[in-house]
Amino acid sequence: MRSSARRTGRWWNRRRLARDYEAHPHRSEAMIHLTMINLMTRRLTAEFTPHVARRLNNP
């Protein structure tokens, strides 16, 4: 579980969520929700890059 939290944090840092560019808090919250929906959808549908799939299959 710990490594998945680190991966999620790294993913956020590479994306727009590393900094808060939104003027309104509700927009920032919506951006976080959209990002997590995207991340979980990719995980559930196995749309990973090959190195990520290898890491998840070989704990």
PDB file of N, CA and C in Angstrom:
ATOM      1  N   MET A   1       0.822  -1.194   0.000  1.00  0.00           N
ATOM      2  CA  MET A   1       0.000   0.000   0.000  1.00  0.00           C
ATOM      3  C   MET A   1       0.865   1.257   0.000  1.00  0.00           C
ATOM      4  N   ARG A   2       1.943   1.193   0.689  1.00  0.00           N
ATOM      5  CA  ARG A   2       2.802   2.356   0.801  1.00  0.00           C
ATOM      6  C   ARG A   2       3.378   2.771  -0.549  1.00  0.00           C
ATOM      7  N   SER A   3       3.786   1.784  -1.352  1.00  0.00           N
ATOM      8  CA  SER A   3       4.360   2.109  -2.652  1.00  0.00           C
ATOM      9  C   SER A   3       3.321   2.707  -3.586  1.00  0.00           C
ATOM     10  N   SER A   4       2.067   2.260  -3.491  1.00  0.00           N
ATOM     11  CA  SER A   4       1.039   2.847  -4.354  1.00  0.00           C
ATOM     12  C   SER A   4       0.778   4.299  -3.962  1.00  0.00           C
ATOM     13  N   ALA A   5       0.881   4.606  -2.687  1.00  0.00           N
ATOM     14  CA  ALA A   5       0.714   5.998  -2.258  1.00  0.00           C
ATOM     15  C   ALA A   5       1.853   6.854  -2.790  1.00  0.00           C
ATOM     16  N   ARG A   6       3.060   6.320  -2.779  1.00  0.00           N
ATOM     17  CA  ARG A   6       4.194   7.061  -3.331  1.00  0.00           C
ATOM     18  C   ARG A   6       4.028   7.276  -4.822  1.00  0.00           C
ATOM     19  N   ARG A   7       3.576   6.225  -5.524  1.00  0.00           N
ATOM     20  CA  ARG A   7       3.360   6.359  -6.969  1.00  0.00           C
ATOM     21  C   ARG A   7       2.318   7.421  -7.261  1.00  0.00           C
ATOM     22  N   THR A   8       1.250   7.432  -6.476  1.00  0.00           N
ATOM     23  CA  THR A   8       0.200   8.424  -6.677  1.00  0.00           C
ATOM     24  C   THR A   8       0.750   9.824  -6.437  1.00  0.00           C
ATOM     25  N   GLY A   9       1.540   9.984  -5.398  1.00  0.00           N
ATOM     26  CA  GLY A   9       2.150  11.282  -5.120  1.00  0.00           C
ATOM     27  C   GLY A   9       3.064  11.734  -6.236  1.00  0.00           C
ATOM     28  N   ARG A  10       3.864  10.808  -6.757  1.00  0.00           N
ATOM     29  CA  ARG A  10       4.736  11.151  -7.878  1.00  0.00           C
ATOM     30  C   ARG A  10       3.920  11.524  -9.104  1.00  0.00           C
ATOM     31  N   TRP A  11       2.826  10.806  -9.323  1.00  0.00           N
ATOM     32  CA  TRP A  11       1.976  11.081 -10.476  1.00  0.00           C
ATOM     33  C   TRP A  11       1.402  12.486 -10.367  1.00  0.00           C
ATOM     34  N   TRP A  12       0.969  12.861  -9.160  1.00  0.00           N
ATOM     35  CA  TRP A  12       0.438  14.208  -8.951  1.00  0.00           C
ATOM     36  C   TRP A  12       1.499  15.256  -9.232  1.00  0.00           C
ATOM     37  N   ASN A  13       2.720  14.999  -8.804  1.00  0.00           N
ATOM     38  CA  ASN A  13       3.783  15.977  -8.995  1.00  0.00           C
ATOM     39  C   ASN A  13       4.124  16.187 -10.459  1.00  0.00           C
ATOM     40  N   ARG A  14       3.950  15.165 -11.274  1.00  0.00           N
ATOM     41  CA  ARG A  14       4.215  15.315 -12.701  1.00  0.00           C
ATOM     42  C   ARG A  14       3.078  16.037 -13.406  1.00  0.00           C
ATOM     43  N   ARG A  15       1.950  16.070 -12.800  1.00  0.00           N
ATOM     44  CA  ARG A  15       0.764  16.641 -13.424  1.00  0.00           C
ATOM     45  C   ARG A  15       0.489  18.044 -12.892  1.00  0.00           C
ATOM     46  N   ARG A  16      -0.616  18.546 -13.278  1.00  0.00           N
ATOM     47  CA  ARG A  16      -1.011  19.894 -12.921  1.00  0.00           C
ATOM     48  C   ARG A  16      -1.207  20.076 -11.418  1.00  0.00           C
ATOM     49  N   LEU A  17      -1.422  19.017 -10.689  1.00  0.00           N
ATOM     50  CA  LEU A  17      -1.724  19.128  -9.267  1.00  0.00           C
ATOM     51  C   LEU A  17      -0.512  19.472  -8.405  1.00  0.00           C
ATOM     52  N   ALA A  18       0.660  19.533  -9.002  1.00  0.00           N
ATOM     53  CA  ALA A  18       1.837  19.883  -8.219  1.00  0.00           C
ATOM     54  C   ALA A  18       1.741  21.314  -7.687  1.00  0.00           C
ATOM     55  N   ARG A  19       1.026  22.148  -8.413  1.00  0.00           N
ATOM     56  CA  ARG A  19       0.817  23.529  -7.988  1.00  0.00           C
ATOM     57  C   ARG A  19      -0.652  23.862  -8.144  1.00  0.00           C
ATOM     58  N   ASP A  20      -1.106  24.756  -7.333  1.00  0.00           N
ATOM     59  CA  ASP A  20      -2.515  25.145  -7.389  1.00  0.00           C
ATOM     60  C   ASP A  20      -2.653  26.396  -8.250  1.00  0.00           C
ATOM     61  N   TYR A  21      -3.102  26.208  -9.485  1.00  0.00           N
ATOM     62  CA  TYR A  21      -3.265  27.317 -10.410  1.00  0.00           C
ATOM     63  C   TYR A  21      -4.687  27.871 -10.403  1.00  0.00           C
ATOM     64  N   GLU A  22      -5.577  27.212  -9.735  1.00  0.00           N
ATOM     65  CA  GLU A  22      -6.980  27.616  -9.756  1.00  0.00           C
ATOM     66  C   GLU A  22      -7.239  28.735  -8.746  1.00  0.00           C
ATOM     67  N   ALA A  23      -8.129  29.646  -9.119  1.00  0.00           N
ATOM     68  CA  ALA A  23      -8.455  30.767  -8.246  1.00  0.00           C
ATOM     69  C   ALA A  23      -9.474  30.374  -7.180  1.00  0.00           C
ATOM     70  N   HIS A  24     -10.297  29.382  -7.484  1.00  0.00           N
ATOM     71  CA  HIS A  24     -11.362  28.993  -6.569  1.00  0.00           C
ATOM     72  C   HIS A  24     -11.120  27.582  -6.031  1.00  0.00           C
ATOM     73  N   PRO A  25     -11.311  27.389  -4.733  1.00  0.00           N
ATOM     74  CA  PRO A  25     -11.075  26.072  -4.132  1.00  0.00           C
ATOM     75  C   PRO A  25     -11.924  24.955  -4.737  1.00  0.00           C
ATOM     76  N   HIS A  26     -13.153  25.250  -5.139  1.00  0.00           N
ATOM     77  CA  HIS A  26     -13.995  24.188  -5.702  1.00  0.00           C
ATOM     78  C   HIS A  26     -13.441  23.690  -7.034  1.00  0.00           C
ATOM     79  N   ARG A  27     -12.751  24.539  -7.765  1.00  0.00           N
ATOM     80  CA  ARG A  27     -12.122  24.090  -9.017  1.00  0.00           C
ATOM     81  C   ARG A  27     -10.915  23.200  -8.730  1.00  0.00           C
ATOM     82  N   SER A  28     -10.161  23.558  -7.705  1.00  0.00           N
ATOM     83  CA  SER A  28      -9.029  22.713  -7.313  1.00  0.00           C
ATOM     84  C   SER A  28      -9.513  21.344  -6.870  1.00  0.00           C
ATOM     85  N   GLU A  29     -10.588  21.326  -6.102  1.00  0.00           N
ATOM     86  CA  GLU A  29     -11.153  20.061  -5.640  1.00  0.00           C
ATOM     87  C   GLU A  29     -11.644  19.226  -6.822  1.00  0.00           C
ATOM     88  N   ALA A  30     -12.281  19.866  -7.780  1.00  0.00           N
ATOM     89  CA  ALA A  30     -12.758  19.150  -8.969  1.00  0.00           C
ATOM     90  C   ALA A  30     -11.588  18.572  -9.755  1.00  0.00           C
ATOM     91  N   MET A  31     -10.493  19.314  -9.843  1.00  0.00           N
ATOM     92  CA  MET A  31      -9.317  18.825 -10.568  1.00  0.00           C
ATOM     93  C   MET A  31      -8.733  17.595  -9.877  1.00  0.00           C
ATOM     94  N   ILE A  32      -8.708  17.595  -8.562  1.00  0.00           N
ATOM     95  CA  ILE A  32      -8.210  16.440  -7.815  1.00  0.00           C
ATOM     96  C   ILE A  32      -9.108  15.231  -8.058  1.00  0.00           C
ATOM     97  N   HIS A  33     -10.415  15.443  -8.031  1.00  0.00           N
ATOM     98  CA  HIS A  33     -11.349  14.340  -8.280  1.00  0.00           C
ATOM     99  C   HIS A  33     -11.173  13.774  -9.688  1.00  0.00           C
ATOM    100  N   LEU A  34     -11.064  14.642 -10.682  1.00  0.00           N
ATOM    101  CA  LEU A  34     -10.879  14.170 -12.060  1.00  0.00           C
ATOM    102  C   LEU A  34      -9.577  13.390 -12.213  1.00  0.00           C
ATOM    103  N   THR A  35      -8.534  13.872 -11.570  1.00  0.00           N
ATOM    104  CA  THR A  35      -7.246  13.190 -11.646  1.00  0.00           C
ATOM    105  C   THR A  35      -7.318  11.803 -11.022  1.00  0.00           C
ATOM    106  N   MET A  36      -7.953  11.693  -9.867  1.00  0.00           N
ATOM    107  CA  MET A  36      -8.046  10.393  -9.209  1.00  0.00           C
ATOM    108  C   MET A  36      -8.959   9.439  -9.974  1.00  0.00           C
ATOM    109  N   ILE A  37     -10.027   9.963 -10.582  1.00  0.00           N
ATOM    110  CA  ILE A  37     -10.885   9.124 -11.423  1.00  0.00           C
ATOM    111  C   ILE A  37     -10.084   8.578 -12.594  1.00  0.00           C
ATOM    112  N   ASN A  38      -9.297   9.425 -13.215  1.00  0.00           N
ATOM    113  CA  ASN A  38      -8.459   8.997 -14.335  1.00  0.00           C
ATOM    114  C   ASN A  38      -7.457   7.938 -13.891  1.00  0.00           C
ATOM    115  N   LEU A  39      -6.804   8.166 -12.774  1.00  0.00           N
ATOM    116  CA  LEU A  39      -5.809   7.221 -12.267  1.00  0.00           C
ATOM    117  C   LEU A  39      -6.432   5.865 -11.949  1.00  0.00           C
ATOM    118  N   MET A  40      -7.557   5.868 -11.251  1.00  0.00           N
ATOM    119  CA  MET A  40      -8.200   4.606 -10.880  1.00  0.00           C
ATOM    120  C   MET A  40      -8.767   3.883 -12.098  1.00  0.00           C
ATOM    121  N   THR A  41      -9.286   4.624 -13.067  1.00  0.00           N
ATOM    122  CA  THR A  41      -9.791   4.001 -14.293  1.00  0.00           C
ATOM    123  C   THR A  41      -8.669   3.305 -15.037  1.00  0.00           C
ATOM    124  N   ARG A  42      -7.526   3.957 -15.126  1.00  0.00           N
ATOM    125  CA  ARG A  42      -6.379   3.334 -15.797  1.00  0.00           C
ATOM    126  C   ARG A  42      -5.934   2.077 -15.058  1.00  0.00           C
ATOM    127  N   ARG A  43      -5.949   2.124 -13.740  1.00  0.00           N
ATOM    128  CA  ARG A  43      -5.547   0.941 -12.971  1.00  0.00           C
ATOM    129  C   ARG A  43      -6.537  -0.202 -13.145  1.00  0.00           C
ATOM    130  N   LEU A  44      -7.819   0.113 -13.146  1.00  0.00           N
ATOM    131  CA  LEU A  44      -8.837  -0.928 -13.266  1.00  0.00           C
ATOM    132  C   LEU A  44      -8.903  -1.533 -14.662  1.00  0.00           C
ATOM    133  N   THR A  45      -8.590  -0.758 -15.677  1.00  0.00           N
ATOM    134  CA  THR A  45      -8.648  -1.264 -17.049  1.00  0.00           C
ATOM    135  C   THR A  45      -7.288  -1.740 -17.539  1.00  0.00           C
ATOM    136  N   ALA A  46      -6.298  -1.688 -16.696  1.00  0.00           N
ATOM    137  CA  ALA A  46      -4.943  -2.170 -16.995  1.00  0.00           C
ATOM    138  C   ALA A  46      -4.309  -1.425 -18.163  1.00  0.00           C
ATOM    139  N   GLU A  47      -4.580  -0.140 -18.264  1.00  0.00           N
ATOM    140  CA  GLU A  47      -3.922   0.685 -19.277  1.00  0.00           C
ATOM    141  C   GLU A  47      -2.641   1.269 -18.678  1.00  0.00           C
ATOM    142  N   PHE A  48      -1.689   0.414 -18.457  1.00  0.00           N
ATOM    143  CA  PHE A  48      -0.434   0.835 -17.854  1.00  0.00           C
ATOM    144  C   PHE A  48       0.662   0.845 -18.903  1.00  0.00           C
ATOM    145  N   THR A  49       1.694   1.555 -18.608  1.00  0.00           N
ATOM    146  CA  THR A  49       2.900   1.400 -19.394  1.00  0.00           C
ATOM    147  C   THR A  49       3.536   0.084 -18.958  1.00  0.00           C
ATOM    148  N   PRO A  50       4.324  -0.560 -19.798  1.00  0.00           N
ATOM    149  CA  PRO A  50       4.865  -1.889 -19.463  1.00  0.00           C
ATOM    150  C   PRO A  50       5.641  -1.937 -18.148  1.00  0.00           C
ATOM    151  N   HIS A  51       6.431  -0.915 -17.832  1.00  0.00           N
ATOM    152  CA  HIS A  51       7.215  -0.979 -16.594  1.00  0.00           C
ATOM    153  C   HIS A  51       6.321  -0.902 -15.360  1.00  0.00           C
ATOM    154  N   VAL A  52       5.219  -0.204 -15.436  1.00  0.00           N
ATOM    155  CA  VAL A  52       4.298  -0.137 -14.301  1.00  0.00           C
ATOM    156  C   VAL A  52       3.589  -1.475 -14.136  1.00  0.00           C
ATOM    157  N   ALA A  53       3.168  -2.086 -15.228  1.00  0.00           N
ATOM    158  CA  ALA A  53       2.491  -3.383 -15.161  1.00  0.00           C
ATOM    159  C   ALA A  53       3.425  -4.435 -14.561  1.00  0.00           C
ATOM    160  N   ARG A  54       4.697  -4.406 -14.928  1.00  0.00           N
ATOM    161  CA  ARG A  54       5.657  -5.364 -14.361  1.00  0.00           C
ATOM    162  C   ARG A  54       5.786  -5.157 -12.860  1.00  0.00           C
ATOM    163  N   ARG A  55       5.854  -3.908 -12.438  1.00  0.00           N
ATOM    164  CA  ARG A  55       5.989  -3.617 -11.012  1.00  0.00           C
ATOM    165  C   ARG A  55       4.786  -4.104 -10.227  1.00  0.00           C
ATOM    166  N   LEU A  56       3.595  -3.926 -10.773  1.00  0.00           N
ATOM    167  CA  LEU A  56       2.392  -4.342 -10.063  1.00  0.00           C
ATOM    168  C   LEU A  56       2.236  -5.857 -10.035  1.00  0.00           C
ATOM    169  N   ASN A  57       2.705  -6.541 -11.067  1.00  0.00           N
ATOM    170  CA  ASN A  57       2.572  -7.992 -11.127  1.00  0.00           C
ATOM    171  C   ASN A  57       3.650  -8.721 -10.338  1.00  0.00           C
ATOM    172  N   ASN A  58       4.751  -8.073 -10.049  1.00  0.00           N
ATOM    173  CA  ASN A  58       5.855  -8.685  -9.298  1.00  0.00           C
ATOM    174  C   ASN A  58       6.110  -7.881  -8.027  1.00  0.00           C
ATOM    175  N   PRO A  59       5.319  -8.102  -6.984  1.00  0.00           N
ATOM    176  CA  PRO A  59       5.471  -7.294  -5.750  1.00  0.00           C
ATOM    177  C   PRO A  59       6.773  -7.531  -5.032  1.00  0.00           C
TER     178      PRO A  59
END
